[in-house]
């Protein structure tokens, strides 16, 4: 089971700054489409190993990569509180 965290980082979006949490895994084998500009991360919360597959619409380019720390204060996502 995965806990998936999403936050809209697109300044021109009407949902800018909004956070969302999804749970996916064996009981919820979801495919999640994450648009450009939406920050995302995940945490395995099940008792067994998880498999996550990223599929992109173009070849990987390190210049496109952006990293945000899991505990970045401007996002303030509480990984424990959201764990249900």
N, C-alpha and C. Protein backbone atom coordinates (compact mmCIF):
# COMPACT_ATOMS: atom_id res chain seq x y z
N UNK A 1 0.85 -1.18 0.00
CA UNK A 1 0.00 0.00 0.00
C UNK A 1 0.89 1.24 0.00
N UNK A 2 0.55 2.19 -0.83
CA UNK A 2 1.29 3.45 -0.93
C UNK A 2 0.45 4.61 -0.43
N UNK A 3 1.08 5.51 0.27
CA UNK A 3 0.49 6.81 0.58
C UNK A 3 1.11 7.77 -0.44
N UNK A 4 0.29 8.40 -1.25
CA UNK A 4 0.77 9.29 -2.30
C UNK A 4 0.39 10.72 -1.95
N UNK A 5 1.40 11.58 -1.86
CA UNK A 5 1.17 12.99 -1.53
C UNK A 5 1.30 13.81 -2.80
N UNK A 6 0.37 14.74 -2.98
CA UNK A 6 0.37 15.63 -4.14
C UNK A 6 0.19 17.06 -3.66
N UNK A 7 0.88 17.99 -4.30
CA UNK A 7 0.68 19.41 -4.00
C UNK A 7 0.80 20.19 -5.32
N UNK A 8 -0.15 21.07 -5.54
CA UNK A 8 -0.17 21.87 -6.77
C UNK A 8 0.82 23.02 -6.63
N UNK A 9 1.87 23.00 -7.44
CA UNK A 9 2.92 24.03 -7.41
C UNK A 9 2.83 24.98 -8.60
N UNK A 10 1.72 24.93 -9.32
CA UNK A 10 1.54 25.78 -10.50
C UNK A 10 0.94 27.12 -10.07
N UNK A 11 1.72 28.21 -10.12
CA UNK A 11 1.24 29.51 -9.62
C UNK A 11 -0.04 30.01 -10.26
N UNK A 12 -0.29 29.68 -11.52
CA UNK A 12 -1.48 30.17 -12.22
C UNK A 12 -2.68 29.24 -12.07
N UNK A 13 -2.54 28.19 -11.32
CA UNK A 13 -3.62 27.22 -11.15
C UNK A 13 -4.60 27.68 -10.07
N UNK A 14 -5.89 27.47 -10.27
CA UNK A 14 -6.86 27.82 -9.22
C UNK A 14 -6.70 26.97 -7.96
N UNK A 15 -5.98 25.86 -8.08
CA UNK A 15 -5.75 25.00 -6.90
C UNK A 15 -4.31 25.11 -6.41
N UNK A 16 -3.63 26.19 -6.75
CA UNK A 16 -2.24 26.40 -6.31
C UNK A 16 -2.13 26.23 -4.79
N UNK A 17 -1.18 25.41 -4.37
CA UNK A 17 -0.92 25.19 -2.94
C UNK A 17 -1.79 24.13 -2.30
N UNK A 18 -2.78 23.64 -3.00
CA UNK A 18 -3.68 22.63 -2.43
C UNK A 18 -2.95 21.28 -2.38
N UNK A 19 -3.08 20.61 -1.23
CA UNK A 19 -2.48 19.29 -1.02
C UNK A 19 -3.56 18.23 -1.09
N UNK A 20 -3.17 17.05 -1.54
CA UNK A 20 -4.09 15.92 -1.60
C UNK A 20 -3.33 14.66 -1.25
N UNK A 21 -4.03 13.70 -0.67
CA UNK A 21 -3.44 12.41 -0.33
C UNK A 21 -4.28 11.31 -0.96
N UNK A 22 -3.59 10.35 -1.56
CA UNK A 22 -4.25 9.19 -2.15
C UNK A 22 -3.60 7.94 -1.57
N UNK A 23 -4.35 6.87 -1.56
CA UNK A 23 -3.84 5.58 -1.10
C UNK A 23 -4.08 4.57 -2.21
N UNK A 24 -3.02 3.89 -2.63
CA UNK A 24 -3.12 2.93 -3.73
C UNK A 24 -2.31 1.69 -3.38
N UNK A 25 -2.71 0.58 -3.94
CA UNK A 25 -2.00 -0.67 -3.70
C UNK A 25 -2.82 -1.84 -4.19
N UNK A 26 -2.65 -2.98 -3.56
CA UNK A 26 -3.32 -4.20 -4.00
C UNK A 26 -4.84 -4.02 -4.01
N UNK A 27 -5.38 -3.41 -2.98
CA UNK A 27 -6.83 -3.22 -2.92
C UNK A 27 -7.31 -2.05 -3.77
N UNK A 28 -6.40 -1.17 -4.11
CA UNK A 28 -6.69 -0.01 -4.97
C UNK A 28 -5.58 0.09 -6.01
N UNK A 29 -5.60 -0.76 -7.02
CA UNK A 29 -4.52 -0.77 -8.02
C UNK A 29 -4.68 0.37 -9.02
N UNK A 30 -4.49 1.57 -8.55
CA UNK A 30 -4.75 2.76 -9.35
C UNK A 30 -3.57 3.12 -10.23
N UNK A 31 -3.92 3.76 -11.31
CA UNK A 31 -2.97 4.43 -12.18
C UNK A 31 -3.20 5.92 -11.94
N UNK A 32 -2.17 6.65 -11.56
CA UNK A 32 -2.32 8.06 -11.21
C UNK A 32 -1.61 8.90 -12.26
N UNK A 33 -2.35 9.82 -12.86
CA UNK A 33 -1.78 10.76 -13.82
C UNK A 33 -1.44 12.04 -13.07
N UNK A 34 -0.18 12.40 -13.06
CA UNK A 34 0.28 13.60 -12.34
C UNK A 34 0.70 14.63 -13.38
N UNK A 35 -0.02 15.75 -13.47
CA UNK A 35 0.33 16.75 -14.48
C UNK A 35 1.63 17.48 -14.14
N UNK A 36 2.29 18.04 -15.15
CA UNK A 36 3.49 18.85 -14.90
C UNK A 36 3.17 19.97 -13.91
N UNK A 37 4.07 20.19 -12.97
CA UNK A 37 3.90 21.26 -12.00
C UNK A 37 3.22 20.82 -10.72
N UNK A 38 2.84 19.56 -10.63
CA UNK A 38 2.25 19.04 -9.39
C UNK A 38 3.32 18.21 -8.69
N UNK A 39 3.74 18.68 -7.52
CA UNK A 39 4.74 17.97 -6.73
C UNK A 39 4.14 16.69 -6.19
N UNK A 40 4.95 15.66 -6.11
CA UNK A 40 4.43 14.38 -5.63
C UNK A 40 5.52 13.58 -4.93
N UNK A 41 5.07 12.75 -4.04
CA UNK A 41 5.96 11.85 -3.33
C UNK A 41 5.13 10.68 -2.82
N UNK A 42 5.80 9.66 -2.34
CA UNK A 42 5.07 8.50 -1.86
C UNK A 42 5.80 7.85 -0.70
N UNK A 43 5.07 7.05 0.03
CA UNK A 43 5.60 6.31 1.17
C UNK A 43 4.91 4.95 1.18
N UNK A 44 5.68 3.88 1.32
CA UNK A 44 5.09 2.55 1.43
C UNK A 44 4.57 2.41 2.86
N UNK A 45 3.27 2.13 2.99
CA UNK A 45 2.68 2.02 4.33
C UNK A 45 2.13 0.62 4.60
N UNK A 46 2.24 -0.27 3.65
CA UNK A 46 1.77 -1.64 3.86
C UNK A 46 2.81 -2.47 4.57
N UNK A 47 2.45 -3.69 4.87
CA UNK A 47 3.36 -4.61 5.55
C UNK A 47 4.25 -5.37 4.57
N UNK A 48 3.96 -5.27 3.28
CA UNK A 48 4.78 -5.96 2.29
C UNK A 48 5.41 -4.92 1.35
N UNK A 49 6.35 -5.39 0.58
CA UNK A 49 7.04 -4.51 -0.36
C UNK A 49 6.07 -3.98 -1.40
N UNK A 50 6.37 -2.83 -1.93
CA UNK A 50 5.53 -2.24 -2.97
C UNK A 50 6.31 -2.10 -4.26
N UNK A 51 5.60 -2.03 -5.37
CA UNK A 51 6.23 -1.78 -6.67
C UNK A 51 5.57 -0.57 -7.30
N UNK A 52 6.38 0.41 -7.62
CA UNK A 52 5.90 1.63 -8.23
C UNK A 52 6.56 1.76 -9.60
N UNK A 53 5.78 2.06 -10.62
CA UNK A 53 6.30 2.21 -11.97
C UNK A 53 5.98 3.61 -12.46
N UNK A 54 7.00 4.37 -12.81
CA UNK A 54 6.81 5.69 -13.40
C UNK A 54 6.83 5.55 -14.91
N UNK A 55 5.87 6.14 -15.58
CA UNK A 55 5.83 6.19 -17.03
C UNK A 55 5.76 7.67 -17.40
N UNK A 56 6.65 8.10 -18.28
CA UNK A 56 6.68 9.51 -18.65
C UNK A 56 6.32 9.66 -20.12
N UNK A 57 6.04 10.90 -20.52
CA UNK A 57 5.66 11.15 -21.92
C UNK A 57 6.84 11.59 -22.78
N UNK A 58 8.05 11.60 -22.20
CA UNK A 58 9.26 11.90 -22.98
C UNK A 58 10.46 11.31 -22.26
N UNK A 59 11.60 11.27 -22.96
CA UNK A 59 12.80 10.71 -22.36
C UNK A 59 13.25 11.55 -21.17
N UNK A 60 13.85 10.89 -20.19
CA UNK A 60 14.33 11.56 -18.99
C UNK A 60 15.44 12.54 -19.34
N UNK A 61 15.31 13.74 -18.81
CA UNK A 61 16.34 14.76 -18.95
C UNK A 61 16.62 15.29 -17.55
N UNK A 62 17.84 15.11 -17.04
CA UNK A 62 18.16 15.59 -15.68
C UNK A 62 17.86 17.07 -15.46
N UNK A 63 17.88 17.88 -16.53
CA UNK A 63 17.58 19.31 -16.39
C UNK A 63 16.11 19.55 -16.02
N UNK A 64 15.26 18.57 -16.32
CA UNK A 64 13.84 18.69 -15.98
C UNK A 64 13.55 18.32 -14.53
N UNK A 65 14.52 17.68 -13.90
CA UNK A 65 14.32 17.15 -12.55
C UNK A 65 14.26 18.27 -11.52
N UNK A 66 13.32 18.16 -10.63
CA UNK A 66 13.22 19.10 -9.52
C UNK A 66 13.03 18.30 -8.25
N UNK A 67 13.70 18.66 -7.21
CA UNK A 67 13.59 17.93 -5.94
C UNK A 67 13.10 18.87 -4.85
N UNK A 68 12.19 18.36 -4.06
CA UNK A 68 11.69 19.08 -2.90
C UNK A 68 11.82 18.12 -1.73
N UNK A 69 12.39 18.57 -0.66
CA UNK A 69 12.57 17.71 0.51
C UNK A 69 11.21 17.24 1.04
N UNK A 70 11.16 16.03 1.53
CA UNK A 70 9.91 15.46 2.05
C UNK A 70 9.32 16.29 3.18
N UNK A 71 10.16 17.06 3.86
CA UNK A 71 9.69 17.86 4.99
C UNK A 71 9.85 19.37 4.73
N UNK A 72 9.74 19.78 3.49
CA UNK A 72 9.93 21.19 3.13
C UNK A 72 8.90 22.05 3.89
N UNK A 73 9.36 23.07 4.62
CA UNK A 73 8.45 23.86 5.46
C UNK A 73 7.38 24.63 4.69
N UNK A 74 7.64 25.01 3.45
CA UNK A 74 6.64 25.75 2.68
C UNK A 74 5.47 24.85 2.25
N UNK A 75 5.71 23.56 2.17
CA UNK A 75 4.64 22.63 1.81
C UNK A 75 3.96 22.09 3.06
N UNK A 76 4.74 21.80 4.08
CA UNK A 76 4.22 21.37 5.39
C UNK A 76 3.25 20.19 5.28
N UNK A 77 3.64 19.19 4.52
CA UNK A 77 2.82 17.97 4.44
C UNK A 77 3.18 17.08 5.62
N UNK A 78 2.19 16.68 6.39
CA UNK A 78 2.42 15.84 7.56
C UNK A 78 2.25 14.38 7.17
N UNK A 79 3.36 13.69 6.94
CA UNK A 79 3.32 12.30 6.49
C UNK A 79 2.71 11.37 7.52
N UNK A 80 2.80 11.67 8.78
CA UNK A 80 2.23 10.80 9.82
C UNK A 80 0.74 11.07 10.03
N UNK A 81 0.35 12.33 10.07
CA UNK A 81 -1.05 12.68 10.30
C UNK A 81 -1.94 12.16 9.16
N UNK A 82 -1.42 12.21 7.94
CA UNK A 82 -2.21 11.79 6.79
C UNK A 82 -2.29 10.28 6.66
N UNK A 83 -1.40 9.56 7.32
CA UNK A 83 -1.39 8.09 7.23
C UNK A 83 -2.66 7.55 7.89
N UNK A 84 -3.53 6.95 7.09
CA UNK A 84 -4.80 6.46 7.60
C UNK A 84 -4.85 4.96 7.54
